[in-house]
Amino acid sequence: MANMGIWQLLIIVVIVILLFGTKKLRNFGSDLGSAVKGFKKSMSQDEEKDADFDANNQQKVTDQTQQSQAEKPEVKEKS
């Protein structure tokens, strides 16, 4: 299987074209292209959402830290 030459590949392509026809193969190709575009688009949107989520969480942690430091009572040392 790994030692397939150009002639074997051409024979397989011809058989596939004869079985499915060029119209079905063209439709399949365009459907596959649309699926890949949709997948890439959703992945980029997810990355943007993750970045926004991380930024919001970082801001919350910073706010909580500042608030907890402001609420701590000062301890005076006895001499």
N, C-alpha and C. Protein backbone atom coordinates (compact mmCIF):
# COMPACT_ATOMS: atom_id res chain seq x y z
N MET A 1 0.83 -1.19 0.00
CA MET A 1 0.00 0.00 0.00
C MET A 1 0.87 1.25 0.00
N ALA A 2 1.99 1.22 0.71
CA ALA A 2 2.85 2.39 0.80
C ALA A 2 3.66 2.59 -0.48
N ASN A 3 3.81 1.55 -1.28
CA ASN A 3 4.62 1.64 -2.50
C ASN A 3 3.76 1.87 -3.73
N MET A 4 2.67 2.62 -3.58
CA MET A 4 1.80 2.88 -4.73
C MET A 4 2.47 3.90 -5.64
N GLY A 5 2.49 3.58 -6.92
CA GLY A 5 3.07 4.50 -7.89
C GLY A 5 2.02 5.42 -8.47
N ILE A 6 2.45 6.24 -9.40
CA ILE A 6 1.55 7.21 -10.01
C ILE A 6 0.46 6.51 -10.82
N TRP A 7 0.80 5.38 -11.45
CA TRP A 7 -0.19 4.68 -12.28
C TRP A 7 -1.30 4.08 -11.43
N GLN A 8 -0.95 3.53 -10.28
CA GLN A 8 -1.98 2.98 -9.40
C GLN A 8 -2.91 4.08 -8.89
N LEU A 9 -2.34 5.22 -8.55
CA LEU A 9 -3.16 6.34 -8.08
C LEU A 9 -4.09 6.85 -9.18
N LEU A 10 -3.59 6.93 -10.40
CA LEU A 10 -4.43 7.37 -11.52
C LEU A 10 -5.58 6.40 -11.78
N ILE A 11 -5.31 5.11 -11.67
CA ILE A 11 -6.37 4.11 -11.86
C ILE A 11 -7.44 4.27 -10.78
N ILE A 12 -7.03 4.49 -9.55
CA ILE A 12 -7.99 4.69 -8.45
C ILE A 12 -8.82 5.94 -8.70
N VAL A 13 -8.20 7.03 -9.14
CA VAL A 13 -8.93 8.26 -9.42
C VAL A 13 -9.95 8.05 -10.53
N VAL A 14 -9.56 7.35 -11.58
CA VAL A 14 -10.49 7.08 -12.69
C VAL A 14 -11.67 6.25 -12.21
N ILE A 15 -11.42 5.25 -11.39
CA ILE A 15 -12.51 4.41 -10.87
C ILE A 15 -13.45 5.23 -10.01
N VAL A 16 -12.91 6.09 -9.16
CA VAL A 16 -13.76 6.94 -8.31
C VAL A 16 -14.60 7.87 -9.16
N ILE A 17 -14.01 8.46 -10.20
CA ILE A 17 -14.78 9.35 -11.08
C ILE A 17 -15.88 8.58 -11.80
N LEU A 18 -15.59 7.37 -12.23
CA LEU A 18 -16.61 6.57 -12.91
C LEU A 18 -17.73 6.18 -11.96
N LEU A 19 -17.40 5.87 -10.71
CA LEU A 19 -18.42 5.46 -9.75
C LEU A 19 -19.32 6.62 -9.33
N PHE A 20 -18.73 7.75 -9.02
CA PHE A 20 -19.50 8.85 -8.45
C PHE A 20 -19.87 9.93 -9.46
N GLY A 21 -19.12 10.09 -10.48
CA GLY A 21 -19.37 11.15 -11.45
C GLY A 21 -18.73 12.45 -11.00
N THR A 22 -18.49 13.33 -11.94
CA THR A 22 -17.79 14.57 -11.62
C THR A 22 -18.67 15.54 -10.84
N LYS A 23 -19.97 15.52 -11.09
CA LYS A 23 -20.86 16.46 -10.39
C LYS A 23 -20.91 16.15 -8.89
N LYS A 24 -21.05 14.88 -8.56
CA LYS A 24 -21.09 14.51 -7.14
C LYS A 24 -19.75 14.81 -6.46
N LEU A 25 -18.66 14.56 -7.17
CA LEU A 25 -17.35 14.84 -6.59
C LEU A 25 -17.16 16.34 -6.40
N ARG A 26 -17.64 17.16 -7.33
CA ARG A 26 -17.54 18.61 -7.20
C ARG A 26 -18.37 19.08 -6.01
N ASN A 27 -19.59 18.53 -5.87
CA ASN A 27 -20.43 18.89 -4.72
C ASN A 27 -19.77 18.47 -3.42
N PHE A 28 -19.19 17.29 -3.43
CA PHE A 28 -18.51 16.81 -2.23
C PHE A 28 -17.34 17.72 -1.87
N GLY A 29 -16.59 18.15 -2.87
CA GLY A 29 -15.46 19.05 -2.63
C GLY A 29 -15.90 20.38 -2.06
N SER A 30 -16.98 20.94 -2.60
CA SER A 30 -17.45 22.23 -2.09
C SER A 30 -18.03 22.08 -0.68
N ASP A 31 -18.71 20.98 -0.43
CA ASP A 31 -19.24 20.73 0.92
C ASP A 31 -18.10 20.57 1.93
N LEU A 32 -17.07 19.88 1.52
CA LEU A 32 -15.91 19.68 2.39
C LEU A 32 -15.21 21.02 2.66
N GLY A 33 -15.09 21.85 1.63
CA GLY A 33 -14.48 23.17 1.80
C GLY A 33 -15.29 24.04 2.75
N SER A 34 -16.62 24.00 2.62
CA SER A 34 -17.49 24.78 3.51
C SER A 34 -17.36 24.31 4.96
N ALA A 35 -17.24 23.00 5.13
CA ALA A 35 -17.10 22.46 6.47
C ALA A 35 -15.79 22.91 7.11
N VAL A 36 -14.72 22.92 6.33
CA VAL A 36 -13.42 23.34 6.85
C VAL A 36 -13.46 24.82 7.22
N LYS A 37 -14.08 25.65 6.36
CA LYS A 37 -14.20 27.08 6.65
C LYS A 37 -15.00 27.31 7.94
N GLY A 38 -16.11 26.59 8.08
CA GLY A 38 -16.93 26.72 9.28
C GLY A 38 -16.18 26.31 10.53
N PHE A 39 -15.40 25.24 10.42
CA PHE A 39 -14.61 24.77 11.56
C PHE A 39 -13.57 25.81 11.96
N LYS A 40 -12.86 26.36 10.98
CA LYS A 40 -11.84 27.37 11.27
C LYS A 40 -12.47 28.61 11.90
N LYS A 41 -13.64 29.01 11.38
CA LYS A 41 -14.32 30.19 11.91
C LYS A 41 -14.73 29.97 13.36
N SER A 42 -15.29 28.80 13.66
CA SER A 42 -15.71 28.53 15.03
C SER A 42 -14.52 28.43 15.98
N MET A 43 -13.41 27.90 15.49
CA MET A 43 -12.21 27.82 16.33
C MET A 43 -11.68 29.21 16.65
N SER A 44 -11.68 30.12 15.67
CA SER A 44 -11.19 31.47 15.94
C SER A 44 -12.12 32.21 16.89
N GLN A 45 -13.42 31.98 16.77
CA GLN A 45 -14.38 32.61 17.68
C GLN A 45 -14.19 32.07 19.10
N ASP A 46 -13.93 30.77 19.22
CA ASP A 46 -13.69 30.18 20.54
C ASP A 46 -12.44 30.76 21.17
N GLU A 47 -11.39 30.99 20.37
CA GLU A 47 -10.16 31.56 20.91
C GLU A 47 -10.41 32.98 21.40
N GLU A 48 -11.23 33.75 20.67
CA GLU A 48 -11.56 35.11 21.11
C GLU A 48 -12.35 35.07 22.42
N LYS A 49 -13.29 34.14 22.52
CA LYS A 49 -14.08 34.01 23.74
C LYS A 49 -13.19 33.62 24.91
N ASP A 50 -12.24 32.69 24.66
CA ASP A 50 -11.32 32.27 25.72
C ASP A 50 -10.46 33.44 26.18
N ALA A 51 -10.00 34.26 25.25
CA ALA A 51 -9.17 35.42 25.62
C ALA A 51 -9.98 36.40 26.45
N ASP A 52 -11.23 36.65 26.05
CA ASP A 52 -12.09 37.55 26.82
C ASP A 52 -12.36 36.98 28.21
N PHE A 53 -12.62 35.67 28.28
CA PHE A 53 -12.89 35.01 29.56
C PHE A 53 -11.67 35.11 30.47
N ASP A 54 -10.48 34.87 29.93
CA ASP A 54 -9.26 34.97 30.73
C ASP A 54 -9.04 36.39 31.24
N ALA A 55 -9.29 37.37 30.38
CA ALA A 55 -9.11 38.77 30.79
C ALA A 55 -10.10 39.13 31.90
N ASN A 56 -11.35 38.68 31.78
CA ASN A 56 -12.35 38.96 32.81
C ASN A 56 -11.98 38.30 34.13
N ASN A 57 -11.52 37.06 34.07
CA ASN A 57 -11.13 36.35 35.30
C ASN A 57 -9.93 37.03 35.95
N GLN A 58 -8.98 37.48 35.16
CA GLN A 58 -7.81 38.16 35.71
C GLN A 58 -8.24 39.45 36.40
N GLN A 59 -9.18 40.18 35.81
CA GLN A 59 -9.66 41.42 36.40
C GLN A 59 -10.38 41.13 37.72
N LYS A 60 -11.19 40.05 37.76
CA LYS A 60 -11.89 39.70 38.99
C LYS A 60 -10.91 39.35 40.11
N VAL A 61 -9.87 38.59 39.77
CA VAL A 61 -8.87 38.21 40.77
C VAL A 61 -8.16 39.46 41.29
N THR A 62 -7.83 40.37 40.41
CA THR A 62 -7.18 41.61 40.82
C THR A 62 -8.09 42.42 41.72
N ASP A 63 -9.36 42.53 41.36
CA ASP A 63 -10.31 43.28 42.18
C ASP A 63 -10.47 42.65 43.56
N GLN A 64 -10.56 41.32 43.61
CA GLN A 64 -10.73 40.63 44.88
C GLN A 64 -9.49 40.81 45.76
N THR A 65 -8.32 40.77 45.15
CA THR A 65 -7.09 40.95 45.91
C THR A 65 -7.01 42.35 46.49
N GLN A 66 -7.34 43.34 45.69
CA GLN A 66 -7.31 44.72 46.17
C GLN A 66 -8.35 44.92 47.28
N GLN A 67 -9.51 44.32 47.13
CA GLN A 67 -10.57 44.47 48.12
C GLN A 67 -10.16 43.81 49.43
N SER A 68 -9.58 42.62 49.36
CA SER A 68 -9.19 41.93 50.59
C SER A 68 -8.05 42.66 51.30
N GLN A 69 -7.16 43.27 50.55
CA GLN A 69 -6.08 44.04 51.17
C GLN A 69 -6.62 45.30 51.82
N ALA A 70 -7.65 45.90 51.24
CA ALA A 70 -8.23 47.11 51.81
C ALA A 70 -9.01 46.81 53.08
N GLU A 71 -9.56 45.61 53.21
CA GLU A 71 -10.39 45.25 54.36
C GLU A 71 -9.58 44.76 55.55
N LYS A 72 -8.31 44.43 55.36
CA LYS A 72 -7.51 43.90 56.46
C LYS A 72 -7.30 44.99 57.50
N PRO A 73 -7.57 44.66 58.77
CA PRO A 73 -7.31 45.66 59.82
C PRO A 73 -5.81 45.75 60.07
N GLU A 74 -5.37 46.93 60.38
CA GLU A 74 -3.96 47.12 60.66
C GLU A 74 -3.67 46.62 62.08
N VAL A 75 -2.61 45.90 62.21
CA VAL A 75 -2.20 45.37 63.51
C VAL A 75 -1.09 46.26 64.04
N LYS A 76 -1.32 46.81 65.24
CA LYS A 76 -0.31 47.67 65.85
C LYS A 76 0.52 46.84 66.81
N GLU A 77 1.80 47.05 66.76
CA GLU A 77 2.70 46.32 67.64
C GLU A 77 2.73 46.99 69.01
N LYS A 78 2.78 46.17 70.04
CA LYS A 78 2.87 46.69 71.41
C LYS A 78 4.34 46.82 71.78
N SER A 79 4.68 47.93 72.39
CA SER A 79 6.09 48.14 72.79
C SER A 79 6.27 47.86 74.25
